[in-house]
């Protein structure tokens, strides 16, 4: 879920748009939702309980748990978003190509998955082997 969540903010940073989405698992079952309120995006579980939030910064987002404690950050530079943990250590990166496909990498540069958006606006997540993991729209 964390990797899935991280890419959402990669897309947000690149697109810089008002955002609301529902996330689904590989079977199409709802797993949560995300709603933007000004410069803050709130995360909710499948039952509508708030599980965290993300606040826009000058070059990305800072993430917080449901209690308001900072859990990490996402910083954008061109077509690349880098994820950091609460201590500022790099967790991974997300790179988007000219076709709009985002590939995720771990902190060592190994590919961990990819994300593709279709014409309906649904983004599907795949693991490193190309198997569907989940989606959001």
C-alpha atoms as a PDB file:
ATOM      1  CA  UNK A   1       0.000   0.000   0.000  1.00  0.00           C
ATOM      2  CA  UNK A   2       2.834   2.415   0.766  1.00  0.00           C
ATOM      3  CA  UNK A   3       4.302   2.090  -2.708  1.00  0.00           C
ATOM      4  CA  UNK A   4       0.858   2.465  -4.210  1.00  0.00           C
ATOM      5  CA  UNK A   5       0.272   5.513  -2.079  1.00  0.00           C
ATOM      6  CA  UNK A   6       3.595   7.054  -2.949  1.00  0.00           C
ATOM      7  CA  UNK A   7       2.963   7.088  -6.650  1.00  0.00           C
ATOM      8  CA  UNK A   8      -0.287   8.946  -6.178  1.00  0.00           C
ATOM      9  CA  UNK A   9       1.692  11.881  -4.911  1.00  0.00           C
ATOM     10  CA  UNK A  10       4.126  11.538  -7.736  1.00  0.00           C
ATOM     11  CA  UNK A  11       1.253  12.036 -10.125  1.00  0.00           C
ATOM     12  CA  UNK A  12      -0.078  14.897  -8.049  1.00  0.00           C
ATOM     13  CA  UNK A  13       3.247  16.661  -8.051  1.00  0.00           C
ATOM     14  CA  UNK A  14       3.632  16.263 -11.804  1.00  0.00           C
ATOM     15  CA  UNK A  15       0.049  17.215 -12.610  1.00  0.00           C
ATOM     16  CA  UNK A  16      -0.466  19.799  -9.839  1.00  0.00           C
ATOM     17  CA  UNK A  17      -4.230  19.361  -9.934  1.00  0.00           C
ATOM     18  CA  UNK A  18      -7.097  19.152  -7.492  1.00  0.00           C
ATOM     19  CA  UNK A  19      -7.297  15.556  -6.453  1.00  0.00           C
ATOM     20  CA  UNK A  20      -9.802  13.002  -5.273  1.00  0.00           C
ATOM     21  CA  UNK A  21      -9.449   9.286  -5.878  1.00  0.00           C
ATOM     22  CA  UNK A  22     -10.532   5.866  -4.720  1.00  0.00           C
ATOM     23  CA  UNK A  23      -8.039   3.005  -4.513  1.00  0.00           C
ATOM     24  CA  UNK A  24      -8.812  -0.616  -5.332  1.00  0.00           C
ATOM     25  CA  UNK A  25      -6.987  -3.909  -4.905  1.00  0.00           C
ATOM     26  CA  UNK A  26      -6.221  -6.271  -7.804  1.00  0.00           C
ATOM     27  CA  UNK A  27      -9.726  -7.751  -7.519  1.00  0.00           C
ATOM     28  CA  UNK A  28     -11.495  -4.411  -7.767  1.00  0.00           C
ATOM     29  CA  UNK A  29     -12.382  -4.157  -4.085  1.00  0.00           C
ATOM     30  CA  UNK A  30     -12.192  -0.684  -2.592  1.00  0.00           C
ATOM     31  CA  UNK A  31      -9.227  -0.223  -0.257  1.00  0.00           C
ATOM     32  CA  UNK A  32      -9.400   3.486   0.522  1.00  0.00           C
ATOM     33  CA  UNK A  33      -9.778   7.007  -0.750  1.00  0.00           C
ATOM     34  CA  UNK A  34      -7.934  10.301  -0.977  1.00  0.00           C
ATOM     35  CA  UNK A  35      -9.478  13.755  -0.891  1.00  0.00           C
ATOM     36  CA  UNK A  36      -7.853  17.130  -1.308  1.00  0.00           C
ATOM     37  CA  UNK A  37      -8.758  20.115   0.857  1.00  0.00           C
ATOM     38  CA  UNK A  38      -6.718  23.118  -0.170  1.00  0.00           C
ATOM     39  CA  UNK A  39      -3.039  22.230   0.122  1.00  0.00           C
ATOM     40  CA  UNK A  40      -3.754  19.085   2.167  1.00  0.00           C
ATOM     41  CA  UNK A  41      -4.707  15.616   0.924  1.00  0.00           C
ATOM     42  CA  UNK A  42      -6.384  13.350   3.454  1.00  0.00           C
ATOM     43  CA  UNK A  43      -6.152   9.574   3.237  1.00  0.00           C
ATOM     44  CA  UNK A  44      -9.006   7.311   4.381  1.00  0.00           C
ATOM     45  CA  UNK A  45      -9.366   3.559   4.718  1.00  0.00           C
ATOM     46  CA  UNK A  46     -12.176   1.551   3.117  1.00  0.00           C
ATOM     47  CA  UNK A  47     -14.440   2.421   6.059  1.00  0.00           C
ATOM     48  CA  UNK A  48     -13.928   6.170   5.764  1.00  0.00           C
ATOM     49  CA  UNK A  49     -11.625   6.489   8.774  1.00  0.00           C
ATOM     50  CA  UNK A  50      -8.782   8.945   8.307  1.00  0.00           C
ATOM     51  CA  UNK A  51      -5.412   7.202   8.232  1.00  0.00           C
ATOM     52  CA  UNK A  52      -3.055  10.021   7.304  1.00  0.00           C
ATOM     53  CA  UNK A  53      -2.522  13.224   5.396  1.00  0.00           C
ATOM     54  CA  UNK A  54      -0.176  14.891   2.943  1.00  0.00           C
ATOM     55  CA  UNK A  55       0.620  18.583   2.910  1.00  0.00           C
ATOM     56  CA  UNK A  56       1.952  20.393  -0.116  1.00  0.00           C
ATOM     57  CA  UNK A  57       5.406  21.940   0.124  1.00  0.00           C
ATOM     58  CA  UNK A  58       7.330  24.092  -2.342  1.00  0.00           C
ATOM     59  CA  UNK A  59       8.554  21.034  -4.259  1.00  0.00           C
ATOM     60  CA  UNK A  60       6.368  18.115  -3.207  1.00  0.00           C
ATOM     61  CA  UNK A  61       4.493  16.800  -0.179  1.00  0.00           C
ATOM     62  CA  UNK A  62       5.180  15.918   3.447  1.00  0.00           C
ATOM     63  CA  UNK A  63       3.306  12.906   4.808  1.00  0.00           C
ATOM     64  CA  UNK A  64       1.758  12.560   8.269  1.00  0.00           C
ATOM     65  CA  UNK A  65       0.090   9.751  10.174  1.00  0.00           C
ATOM     66  CA  UNK A  66      -3.434  10.013  11.588  1.00  0.00           C
ATOM     67  CA  UNK A  67      -2.044  11.635  14.736  1.00  0.00           C
ATOM     68  CA  UNK A  68      -0.241  14.371  12.820  1.00  0.00           C
ATOM     69  CA  UNK A  69       3.288  13.007  13.228  1.00  0.00           C
ATOM     70  CA  UNK A  70       5.454  13.426  10.142  1.00  0.00           C
ATOM     71  CA  UNK A  71       6.213  10.116   8.441  1.00  0.00           C
ATOM     72  CA  UNK A  72       8.171  11.220   5.386  1.00  0.00           C
ATOM     73  CA  UNK A  73       8.252  13.381   2.304  1.00  0.00           C
ATOM     74  CA  UNK A  74       8.013  13.285  -1.480  1.00  0.00           C
ATOM     75  CA  UNK A  75      10.109  15.732  -3.470  1.00  0.00           C
ATOM     76  CA  UNK A  76       9.834  16.379  -7.182  1.00  0.00           C
ATOM     77  CA  UNK A  77      12.520  17.419  -9.639  1.00  0.00           C
ATOM     78  CA  UNK A  78      11.311  17.448 -13.220  1.00  0.00           C
ATOM     79  CA  UNK A  79       9.865  14.042 -14.069  1.00  0.00           C
ATOM     80  CA  UNK A  80      11.299  12.362 -10.969  1.00  0.00           C
ATOM     81  CA  UNK A  81       9.797  12.132  -7.487  1.00  0.00           C
ATOM     82  CA  UNK A  82      12.010  10.959  -4.626  1.00  0.00           C
ATOM     83  CA  UNK A  83      10.503   9.502  -1.472  1.00  0.00           C
ATOM     84  CA  UNK A  84      12.176  10.004   1.928  1.00  0.00           C
ATOM     85  CA  UNK A  85      11.376   8.573   5.347  1.00  0.00           C
ATOM     86  CA  UNK A  86      10.832  10.643   8.489  1.00  0.00           C
ATOM     87  CA  UNK A  87      14.586  10.852   9.056  1.00  0.00           C
ATOM     88  CA  UNK A  88      15.356  12.155   5.575  1.00  0.00           C
ATOM     89  CA  UNK A  89      16.763   8.888   4.250  1.00  0.00           C
ATOM     90  CA  UNK A  90      15.912   8.042   0.666  1.00  0.00           C
ATOM     91  CA  UNK A  91      13.298   5.306   0.309  1.00  0.00           C
ATOM     92  CA  UNK A  92      12.834   5.202  -3.459  1.00  0.00           C
ATOM     93  CA  UNK A  93      12.170   7.107  -6.658  1.00  0.00           C
ATOM     94  CA  UNK A  94       9.412   7.371  -9.259  1.00  0.00           C
ATOM     95  CA  UNK A  95      10.253   8.359 -12.824  1.00  0.00           C
ATOM     96  CA  UNK A  96       7.664   9.243 -15.444  1.00  0.00           C
ATOM     97  CA  UNK A  97       8.475   8.886 -19.142  1.00  0.00           C
ATOM     98  CA  UNK A  98       7.100  10.829 -22.115  1.00  0.00           C
ATOM     99  CA  UNK A  99       4.250   8.327 -22.498  1.00  0.00           C
ATOM    100  CA  UNK A 100       3.041   8.965 -18.953  1.00  0.00           C
ATOM    101  CA  UNK A 101       4.224   5.618 -17.592  1.00  0.00           C
ATOM    102  CA  UNK A 102       5.726   5.877 -14.117  1.00  0.00           C
ATOM    103  CA  UNK A 103       8.353   3.353 -13.031  1.00  0.00           C
ATOM    104  CA  UNK A 104       9.201   2.913  -9.360  1.00  0.00           C
ATOM    105  CA  UNK A 105      12.643   2.060  -7.990  1.00  0.00           C
ATOM    106  CA  UNK A 106      13.899   1.201  -4.540  1.00  0.00           C
ATOM    107  CA  UNK A 107      16.684   3.124  -2.808  1.00  0.00           C
ATOM    108  CA  UNK A 108      19.270   0.991  -4.612  1.00  0.00           C
ATOM    109  CA  UNK A 109      17.869   1.776  -8.047  1.00  0.00           C
ATOM    110  CA  UNK A 110      16.229  -1.604  -8.602  1.00  0.00           C
ATOM    111  CA  UNK A 111      12.873  -1.521 -10.396  1.00  0.00           C
ATOM    112  CA  UNK A 112       9.971  -2.339  -8.095  1.00  0.00           C
ATOM    113  CA  UNK A 113       6.988  -1.744 -10.357  1.00  0.00           C
ATOM    114  CA  UNK A 114       5.189   0.557 -12.747  1.00  0.00           C
ATOM    115  CA  UNK A 115       2.016   2.599 -13.057  1.00  0.00           C
ATOM    116  CA  UNK A 116       0.007   3.242 -16.204  1.00  0.00           C
ATOM    117  CA  UNK A 117      -2.978   5.518 -16.755  1.00  0.00           C
ATOM    118  CA  UNK A 118      -5.582   4.692 -19.395  1.00  0.00           C
ATOM    119  CA  UNK A 119      -7.824   7.026 -21.383  1.00  0.00           C
ATOM    120  CA  UNK A 120     -10.556   6.846 -18.716  1.00  0.00           C
ATOM    121  CA  UNK A 121      -8.195   8.235 -16.092  1.00  0.00           C
ATOM    122  CA  UNK A 122      -7.745   4.986 -14.165  1.00  0.00           C
ATOM    123  CA  UNK A 123      -4.185   4.329 -13.020  1.00  0.00           C
ATOM    124  CA  UNK A 124      -3.171   0.687 -12.667  1.00  0.00           C
ATOM    125  CA  UNK A 125      -0.219  -0.450 -10.588  1.00  0.00           C
ATOM    126  CA  UNK A 126       1.957  -3.406 -11.631  1.00  0.00           C
ATOM    127  CA  UNK A 127       4.699  -5.174  -9.744  1.00  0.00           C
ATOM    128  CA  UNK A 128       8.220  -5.646 -11.090  1.00  0.00           C
ATOM    129  CA  UNK A 129       7.036  -8.700 -13.043  1.00  0.00           C
ATOM    130  CA  UNK A 130       4.148  -6.895 -14.718  1.00  0.00           C
ATOM    131  CA  UNK A 131       1.412  -8.401 -12.547  1.00  0.00           C
ATOM    132  CA  UNK A 132      -1.480  -6.143 -11.577  1.00  0.00           C
ATOM    133  CA  UNK A 133      -1.337  -5.013  -7.952  1.00  0.00           C
ATOM    134  CA  UNK A 134      -4.148  -2.473  -7.734  1.00  0.00           C
ATOM    135  CA  UNK A 135      -5.616   0.656  -9.235  1.00  0.00           C
ATOM    136  CA  UNK A 136      -7.077   4.033  -8.430  1.00  0.00           C
ATOM    137  CA  UNK A 137      -9.434   6.443 -10.073  1.00  0.00           C
END
